Amino acid sequence: MSHSESYQAIVEKVYRSGPHGPYAVAKNDALGSITFSLGKKVWEETIEPEPGTYVLLSQITKKRAGWRAGSGRFVRPSDTKQ
């Protein structure tokens, strides 16, 4: 099973002290809300995203509480080239 699909989403809220560490929730038109950790194992950037920032999320899995991303980073100009 491939987890290579990536989804662009807009960060809605950043939670600095969640029960499993810092995390963020982003909105994608197709999937709705996607939650992702801001820990080093998931978030690939050195700075945290802010609300309104576009991110590229992948390794998406469905959990009881909603969609989760196993990998995330900022959207780069090369991501938008056709």
PDB file of N, CA and C in Angstrom:
ATOM      1  N   MET A   1       0.835  -1.184   0.000  1.00  0.00           N
ATOM      2  CA  MET A   1       0.000   0.000   0.000  1.00  0.00           C
ATOM      3  C   MET A   1       0.879   1.246   0.000  1.00  0.00           C
ATOM      4  N   SER A   2       0.589   2.175  -0.892  1.00  0.00           N
ATOM      5  CA  SER A   2       1.411   3.373  -1.029  1.00  0.00           C
ATOM      6  C   SER A   2       0.866   4.515  -0.193  1.00  0.00           C
ATOM      7  N   HIS A   3       1.755   5.194   0.494  1.00  0.00           N
ATOM      8  CA  HIS A   3       1.384   6.383   1.268  1.00  0.00           C
ATOM      9  C   HIS A   3       2.021   7.611   0.643  1.00  0.00           C
ATOM     10  N   SER A   4       2.288   7.570  -0.680  1.00  0.00           N
ATOM     11  CA  SER A   4       3.034   8.645  -1.313  1.00  0.00           C
ATOM     12  C   SER A   4       2.157   9.833  -1.701  1.00  0.00           C
ATOM     13  N   GLU A   5       0.839   9.718  -1.570  1.00  0.00           N
ATOM     14  CA  GLU A   5      -0.019  10.847  -1.901  1.00  0.00           C
ATOM     15  C   GLU A   5       0.255  12.010  -0.963  1.00  0.00           C
ATOM     16  N   SER A   6       0.317  13.197  -1.524  1.00  0.00           N
ATOM     17  CA  SER A   6       0.518  14.402  -0.724  1.00  0.00           C
ATOM     18  C   SER A   6      -0.664  15.334  -0.926  1.00  0.00           C
ATOM     19  N   TYR A   7      -0.983  16.069   0.113  1.00  0.00           N
ATOM     20  CA  TYR A   7      -2.105  16.993   0.072  1.00  0.00           C
ATOM     21  C   TYR A   7      -1.658  18.351   0.567  1.00  0.00           C
ATOM     22  N   GLN A   8      -1.999  19.397  -0.202  1.00  0.00           N
ATOM     23  CA  GLN A   8      -1.761  20.748   0.284  1.00  0.00           C
ATOM     24  C   GLN A   8      -2.899  21.108   1.219  1.00  0.00           C
ATOM     25  N   ALA A   9      -2.564  21.788   2.289  1.00  0.00           N
ATOM     26  CA  ALA A   9      -3.565  22.194   3.265  1.00  0.00           C
ATOM     27  C   ALA A   9      -3.129  23.522   3.866  1.00  0.00           C
ATOM     28  N   ILE A  10      -4.085  24.225   4.467  1.00  0.00           N
ATOM     29  CA  ILE A  10      -3.805  25.507   5.112  1.00  0.00           C
ATOM     30  C   ILE A  10      -3.909  25.318   6.616  1.00  0.00           C
ATOM     31  N   VAL A  11      -2.852  25.702   7.332  1.00  0.00           N
ATOM     32  CA  VAL A  11      -2.843  25.556   8.783  1.00  0.00           C
ATOM     33  C   VAL A  11      -3.922  26.460   9.387  1.00  0.00           C
ATOM     34  N   GLU A  12      -4.777  25.853  10.227  1.00  0.00           N
ATOM     35  CA  GLU A  12      -5.827  26.609  10.906  1.00  0.00           C
ATOM     36  C   GLU A  12      -5.434  26.977  12.333  1.00  0.00           C
ATOM     37  N   LYS A  13      -4.807  26.024  13.027  1.00  0.00           N
ATOM     38  CA  LYS A  13      -4.483  26.274  14.434  1.00  0.00           C
ATOM     39  C   LYS A  13      -3.238  25.473  14.811  1.00  0.00           C
ATOM     40  N   VAL A  14      -2.402  26.069  15.649  1.00  0.00           N
ATOM     41  CA  VAL A  14      -1.209  25.403  16.171  1.00  0.00           C
ATOM     42  C   VAL A  14      -1.393  25.251  17.676  1.00  0.00           C
ATOM     43  N   TYR A  15      -1.195  24.036  18.163  1.00  0.00           N
ATOM     44  CA  TYR A  15      -1.312  23.733  19.594  1.00  0.00           C
ATOM     45  C   TYR A  15       0.089  23.449  20.117  1.00  0.00           C
ATOM     46  N   ARG A  16       0.587  24.313  20.969  1.00  0.00           N
ATOM     47  CA  ARG A  16       1.967  24.191  21.442  1.00  0.00           C
ATOM     48  C   ARG A  16       2.145  23.128  22.526  1.00  0.00           C
ATOM     49  N   SER A  17       1.069  22.762  23.222  1.00  0.00           N
ATOM     50  CA  SER A  17       1.216  21.787  24.313  1.00  0.00           C
ATOM     51  C   SER A  17       0.076  20.776  24.290  1.00  0.00           C
ATOM     52  N   GLY A  18       0.106  19.888  23.295  1.00  0.00           N
ATOM     53  CA  GLY A  18      -0.883  18.821  23.227  1.00  0.00           C
ATOM     54  C   GLY A  18      -0.470  17.655  24.119  1.00  0.00           C
ATOM     55  N   PRO A  19      -1.368  16.688  24.310  1.00  0.00           N
ATOM     56  CA  PRO A  19      -1.055  15.534  25.165  1.00  0.00           C
ATOM     57  C   PRO A  19       0.134  14.708  24.665  1.00  0.00           C
ATOM     58  N   HIS A  20       0.419  14.757  23.360  1.00  0.00           N
ATOM     59  CA  HIS A  20       1.559  14.022  22.793  1.00  0.00           C
ATOM     60  C   HIS A  20       2.600  14.980  22.234  1.00  0.00           C
ATOM     61  N   GLY A  21       2.591  16.229  22.701  1.00  0.00           N
ATOM     62  CA  GLY A  21       3.529  17.225  22.207  1.00  0.00           C
ATOM     63  C   GLY A  21       2.829  18.214  21.285  1.00  0.00           C
ATOM     64  N   PRO A  22       3.590  19.177  20.740  1.00  0.00           N
ATOM     65  CA  PRO A  22       2.987  20.188  19.878  1.00  0.00           C
ATOM     66  C   PRO A  22       2.458  19.589  18.582  1.00  0.00           C
ATOM     67  N   TYR A  23       1.341  20.152  18.112  1.00  0.00           N
ATOM     68  CA  TYR A  23       0.749  19.675  16.858  1.00  0.00           C
ATOM     69  C   TYR A  23      -0.037  20.799  16.206  1.00  0.00           C
ATOM     70  N   ALA A  24      -0.468  20.567  14.974  1.00  0.00           N
ATOM     71  CA  ALA A  24      -1.241  21.564  14.243  1.00  0.00           C
ATOM     72  C   ALA A  24      -2.385  20.877  13.513  1.00  0.00           C
ATOM     73  N   VAL A  25      -3.395  21.663  13.201  1.00  0.00           N
ATOM     74  CA  VAL A  25      -4.531  21.190  12.413  1.00  0.00           C
ATOM     75  C   VAL A  25      -4.595  22.044  11.154  1.00  0.00           C
ATOM     76  N   ALA A  26      -4.656  21.374  10.000  1.00  0.00           N
ATOM     77  CA  ALA A  26      -4.729  22.070   8.723  1.00  0.00           C
ATOM     78  C   ALA A  26      -5.988  21.633   7.977  1.00  0.00           C
ATOM     79  N   LYS A  27      -6.470  22.479   7.082  1.00  0.00           N
ATOM     80  CA  LYS A  27      -7.696  22.202   6.333  1.00  0.00           C
ATOM     81  C   LYS A  27      -7.361  21.954   4.873  1.00  0.00           C
ATOM     82  N   ASN A  28      -7.915  20.856   4.343  1.00  0.00           N
ATOM     83  CA  ASN A  28      -7.753  20.491   2.939  1.00  0.00           C
ATOM     84  C   ASN A  28      -9.157  20.379   2.335  1.00  0.00           C
ATOM     85  N   ASP A  29      -9.317  20.885   1.112  1.00  0.00           N
ATOM     86  CA  ASP A  29     -10.646  20.880   0.489  1.00  0.00           C
ATOM     87  C   ASP A  29     -11.228  19.483   0.333  1.00  0.00           C
ATOM     88  N   ALA A  30     -10.393  18.499   0.003  1.00  0.00           N
ATOM     89  CA  ALA A  30     -10.889  17.143  -0.244  1.00  0.00           C
ATOM     90  C   ALA A  30     -11.114  16.344   1.041  1.00  0.00           C
ATOM     91  N   LEU A  31     -10.203  16.466   2.002  1.00  0.00           N
ATOM     92  CA  LEU A  31     -10.270  15.619   3.198  1.00  0.00           C
ATOM     93  C   LEU A  31     -10.843  16.325   4.420  1.00  0.00           C
ATOM     94  N   GLY A  32     -10.857  17.641   4.415  1.00  0.00           N
ATOM     95  CA  GLY A  32     -11.276  18.369   5.612  1.00  0.00           C
ATOM     96  C   GLY A  32     -10.083  18.606   6.503  1.00  0.00           C
ATOM     97  N   SER A  33     -10.255  18.428   7.807  1.00  0.00           N
ATOM     98  CA  SER A  33      -9.174  18.685   8.766  1.00  0.00           C
ATOM     99  C   SER A  33      -8.181  17.531   8.811  1.00  0.00           C
ATOM    100  N   ILE A  34      -6.900  17.886   8.837  1.00  0.00           N
ATOM    101  CA  ILE A  34      -5.818  16.911   8.958  1.00  0.00           C
ATOM    102  C   ILE A  34      -4.925  17.377  10.111  1.00  0.00           C
ATOM    103  N   THR A  35      -4.707  16.496  11.068  1.00  0.00           N
ATOM    104  CA  THR A  35      -3.862  16.806  12.221  1.00  0.00           C
ATOM    105  C   THR A  35      -2.458  16.265  11.973  1.00  0.00           C
ATOM    106  N   PHE A  36      -1.449  17.025  12.378  1.00  0.00           N
ATOM    107  CA  PHE A  36      -0.074  16.530  12.252  1.00  0.00           C
ATOM    108  C   PHE A  36       0.774  17.037  13.404  1.00  0.00           C
ATOM    109  N   SER A  37       1.713  16.200  13.812  1.00  0.00           N
ATOM    110  CA  SER A  37       2.623  16.519  14.905  1.00  0.00           C
ATOM    111  C   SER A  37       3.665  17.520  14.437  1.00  0.00           C
ATOM    112  N   LEU A  38       4.115  18.356  15.346  1.00  0.00           N
ATOM    113  CA  LEU A  38       5.221  19.263  15.058  1.00  0.00           C
ATOM    114  C   LEU A  38       6.533  18.728  15.614  1.00  0.00           C
ATOM    115  N   GLY A  39       6.526  17.453  16.008  1.00  0.00           N
ATOM    116  CA  GLY A  39       7.742  16.791  16.459  1.00  0.00           C
ATOM    117  C   GLY A  39       8.666  16.503  15.286  1.00  0.00           C
ATOM    118  N   LYS A  40       9.934  16.248  15.588  1.00  0.00           N
ATOM    119  CA  LYS A  40      10.939  16.051  14.541  1.00  0.00           C
ATOM    120  C   LYS A  40      10.683  14.834  13.659  1.00  0.00           C
ATOM    121  N   LYS A  41       9.951  13.845  14.157  1.00  0.00           N
ATOM    122  CA  LYS A  41       9.686  12.638  13.358  1.00  0.00           C
ATOM    123  C   LYS A  41       8.669  12.891  12.252  1.00  0.00           C
ATOM    124  N   VAL A  42       7.861  13.941  12.395  1.00  0.00           N
ATOM    125  CA  VAL A  42       6.810  14.239  11.414  1.00  0.00           C
ATOM    126  C   VAL A  42       7.085  15.547  10.676  1.00  0.00           C
ATOM    127  N   TRP A  43       7.291  16.625  11.409  1.00  0.00           N
ATOM    128  CA  TRP A  43       7.475  17.948  10.810  1.00  0.00           C
ATOM    129  C   TRP A  43       8.921  18.106  10.371  1.00  0.00           C
ATOM    130  N   GLU A  44       9.135  18.333   9.074  1.00  0.00           N
ATOM    131  CA  GLU A  44      10.479  18.334   8.486  1.00  0.00           C
ATOM    132  C   GLU A  44      11.197  19.680   8.562  1.00  0.00           C
ATOM    133  N   GLU A  45      10.510  20.726   8.963  1.00  0.00           N
ATOM    134  CA  GLU A  45      11.101  22.065   8.965  1.00  0.00           C
ATOM    135  C   GLU A  45      11.670  22.423  10.338  1.00  0.00           C
ATOM    136  N   THR A  46      12.523  23.452  10.363  1.00  0.00           N
ATOM    137  CA  THR A  46      13.111  23.882  11.633  1.00  0.00           C
ATOM    138  C   THR A  46      12.232  24.885  12.365  1.00  0.00           C
ATOM    139  N   ILE A  47      11.322  25.547  11.649  1.00  0.00           N
ATOM    140  CA  ILE A  47      10.400  26.481  12.305  1.00  0.00           C
ATOM    141  C   ILE A  47       8.980  25.952  12.189  1.00  0.00           C
ATOM    142  N   GLU A  48       8.149  26.311  13.154  1.00  0.00           N
ATOM    143  CA  GLU A  48       6.761  25.845  13.151  1.00  0.00           C
ATOM    144  C   GLU A  48       5.920  26.667  12.183  1.00  0.00           C
ATOM    145  N   PRO A  49       4.872  26.064  11.629  1.00  0.00           N
ATOM    146  CA  PRO A  49       3.977  26.824  10.756  1.00  0.00           C
ATOM    147  C   PRO A  49       3.094  27.762  11.583  1.00  0.00           C
ATOM    148  N   GLU A  50       2.555  28.756  10.940  1.00  0.00           N
ATOM    149  CA  GLU A  50       1.610  29.668  11.563  1.00  0.00           C
ATOM    150  C   GLU A  50       0.256  29.507  10.880  1.00  0.00           C
ATOM    151  N   PRO A  51      -0.827  29.877  11.546  1.00  0.00           N
ATOM    152  CA  PRO A  51      -2.140  29.819  10.885  1.00  0.00           C
ATOM    153  C   PRO A  51      -2.114  30.610   9.578  1.00  0.00           C
ATOM    154  N   GLY A  52      -2.698  30.030   8.545  1.00  0.00           N
ATOM    155  CA  GLY A  52      -2.717  30.642   7.215  1.00  0.00           C
ATOM    156  C   GLY A  52      -1.605  30.171   6.309  1.00  0.00           C
ATOM    157  N   THR A  53      -0.655  29.405   6.846  1.00  0.00           N
ATOM    158  CA  THR A  53       0.472  28.904   6.065  1.00  0.00           C
ATOM    159  C   THR A  53       0.074  27.646   5.295  1.00  0.00           C
ATOM    160  N   TYR A  54       0.516  27.553   4.033  1.00  0.00           N
ATOM    161  CA  TYR A  54       0.287  26.345   3.243  1.00  0.00           C
ATOM    162  C   TYR A  54       1.337  25.292   3.605  1.00  0.00           C
ATOM    163  N   VAL A  55       0.871  24.069   3.812  1.00  0.00           N
ATOM    164  CA  VAL A  55       1.760  22.953   4.113  1.00  0.00           C
ATOM    165  C   VAL A  55       1.473  21.801   3.161  1.00  0.00           C
ATOM    166  N   LEU A  56       2.441  20.928   2.996  1.00  0.00           N
ATOM    167  CA  LEU A  56       2.289  19.726   2.184  1.00  0.00           C
ATOM    168  C   LEU A  56       2.351  18.535   3.124  1.00  0.00           C
ATOM    169  N   LEU A  57       1.257  17.806   3.214  1.00  0.00           N
ATOM    170  CA  LEU A  57       1.148  16.689   4.148  1.00  0.00           C
ATOM    171  C   LEU A  57       1.076  15.382   3.390  1.00  0.00           C
ATOM    172  N   SER A  58       1.729  14.344   3.913  1.00  0.00           N
ATOM    173  CA  SER A  58       1.707  13.029   3.282  1.00  0.00           C
ATOM    174  C   SER A  58       1.659  11.950   4.357  1.00  0.00           C
ATOM    175  N   GLN A  59       1.664  10.698   3.917  1.00  0.00           N
ATOM    176  CA  GLN A  59       1.500   9.542   4.812  1.00  0.00           C
ATOM    177  C   GLN A  59       0.220   9.730   5.637  1.00  0.00           C
ATOM    178  N   ILE A  60      -0.872   9.995   4.928  1.00  0.00           N
ATOM    179  CA  ILE A  60      -2.156  10.275   5.556  1.00  0.00           C
ATOM    180  C   ILE A  60      -2.821   8.972   5.982  1.00  0.00           C
ATOM    181  N   THR A  61      -3.277   8.933   7.218  1.00  0.00           N
ATOM    182  CA  THR A  61      -4.013   7.773   7.724  1.00  0.00           C
ATOM    183  C   THR A  61      -5.300   8.252   8.384  1.00  0.00           C
ATOM    184  N   LYS A  62      -6.307   7.383   8.369  1.00  0.00           N
ATOM    185  CA  LYS A  62      -7.596   7.701   8.986  1.00  0.00           C
ATOM    186  C   LYS A  62      -7.624   7.104  10.379  1.00  0.00           C
ATOM    187  N   LYS A  63      -7.882   7.938  11.372  1.00  0.00           N
ATOM    188  CA  LYS A  63      -8.006   7.491  12.761  1.00  0.00           C
ATOM    189  C   LYS A  63      -9.446   7.725  13.198  1.00  0.00           C
ATOM    190  N   ARG A  64      -9.801   7.193  14.338  1.00  0.00           N
ATOM    191  CA  ARG A  64     -11.156   7.378  14.852  1.00  0.00           C
ATOM    192  C   ARG A  64     -11.504   8.861  14.974  1.00  0.00           C
ATOM    193  N   ALA A  65     -10.515   9.666  15.384  1.00  0.00           N
ATOM    194  CA  ALA A  65     -10.748  11.098  15.588  1.00  0.00           C
ATOM    195  C   ALA A  65     -10.547  11.925  14.316  1.00  0.00           C
ATOM    196  N   GLY A  66     -10.196  11.296  13.190  1.00  0.00           N
ATOM    197  CA  GLY A  66     -10.034  12.027  11.935  1.00  0.00           C
ATOM    198  C   GLY A  66      -8.739  11.687  11.225  1.00  0.00           C
ATOM    199  N   TRP A  67      -8.405  12.496  10.232  1.00  0.00           N
ATOM    200  CA  TRP A  67      -7.214  12.261   9.423  1.00  0.00           C
ATOM    201  C   TRP A  67      -5.950  12.706  10.147  1.00  0.00           C
ATOM    202  N   ARG A  68      -4.870  11.926   9.968  1.00  0.00           N
ATOM    203  CA  ARG A  68      -3.561  12.237  10.538  1.00  0.00           C
ATOM    204  C   ARG A  68      -2.517  12.172   9.429  1.00  0.00           C
ATOM    205  N   ALA A  69      -1.539  13.063   9.503  1.00  0.00           N
ATOM    206  CA  ALA A  69      -0.427  13.047   8.550  1.00  0.00           C
ATOM    207  C   ALA A  69       0.816  12.550   9.261  1.00  0.00           C
ATOM    208  N   GLY A  70       1.545  11.656   8.602  1.00  0.00           N
ATOM    209  CA  GLY A  70       2.779  11.121   9.164  1.00  0.00           C
ATOM    210  C   GLY A  70       4.008  11.893   8.743  1.00  0.00           C
ATOM    211  N   SER A  71       3.812  12.860   7.820  1.00  0.00           N
ATOM    212  CA  SER A  71       4.921  13.663   7.339  1.00  0.00           C
ATOM    213  C   SER A  71       4.378  15.009   6.878  1.00  0.00           C
ATOM    214  N   GLY A  72       5.113  16.083   7.168  1.00  0.00           N
ATOM    215  CA  GLY A  72       4.669  17.403   6.752  1.00  0.00           C
ATOM    216  C   GLY A  72       5.812  18.376   6.587  1.00  0.00           C
ATOM    217  N   ARG A  73       5.604  19.348   5.693  1.00  0.00           N
ATOM    218  CA  ARG A  73       6.579  20.406   5.455  1.00  0.00           C
ATOM    219  C   ARG A  73       5.860  21.575   4.801  1.00  0.00           C
ATOM    220  N   PHE A  74       6.572  22.705   4.687  1.00  0.00           N
ATOM    221  CA  PHE A  74       6.016  23.861   3.997  1.00  0.00           C
ATOM    222  C   PHE A  74       5.888  23.567   2.505  1.00  0.00           C
ATOM    223  N   VAL A  75       4.908  24.191   1.861  1.00  0.00           N
ATOM    224  CA  VAL A  75       4.794  24.116   0.399  1.00  0.00           C
ATOM    225  C   VAL A  75       5.899  24.979  -0.198  1.00  0.00           C
ATOM    226  N   ARG A  76       6.573  24.432  -1.199  1.00  0.00           N
ATOM    227  CA  ARG A  76       7.664  25.143  -1.884  1.00  0.00           C
ATOM    228  C   ARG A  76       7.212  25.539  -3.290  1.00  0.00           C
ATOM    229  N   PRO A  77       7.865  26.506  -3.901  1.00  0.00           N
ATOM    230  CA  PRO A  77       7.487  26.886  -5.276  1.00  0.00           C
ATOM    231  C   PRO A  77       7.512  25.701  -6.242  1.00  0.00           C
ATOM    232  N   SER A  78       8.444  24.777  -6.062  1.00  0.00           N
ATOM    233  CA  SER A  78       8.528  23.625  -6.966  1.00  0.00           C
ATOM    234  C   SER A  78       7.317  22.706  -6.837  1.00  0.00           C
ATOM    235  N   ASP A  79       6.578  22.781  -5.720  1.00  0.00           N
ATOM    236  CA  ASP A  79       5.383  21.943  -5.550  1.00  0.00           C
ATOM    237  C   ASP A  79       4.231  22.403  -6.437  1.00  0.00           C
ATOM    238  N   THR A  80       4.254  23.653  -6.866  1.00  0.00           N
ATOM    239  CA  THR A  80       3.124  24.196  -7.622  1.00  0.00           C
ATOM    240  C   THR A  80       3.352  24.185  -9.120  1.00  0.00           C
ATOM    241  N   LYS A  81       4.519  23.752  -9.581  1.00  0.00           N
ATOM    242  CA  LYS A  81       4.783  23.682 -11.011  1.00  0.00           C
ATOM    243  C   LYS A  81       3.979  22.557 -11.636  1.00  0.00           C
ATOM    244  N   GLN A  82       3.425  22.835 -12.791  1.00  0.00           N
ATOM    245  CA  GLN A  82       2.594  21.833 -13.488  1.00  0.00           C
ATOM    246  C   GLN A  82       3.458  20.927 -14.331  1.00  0.00           C
TER     247      GLN A  82
END
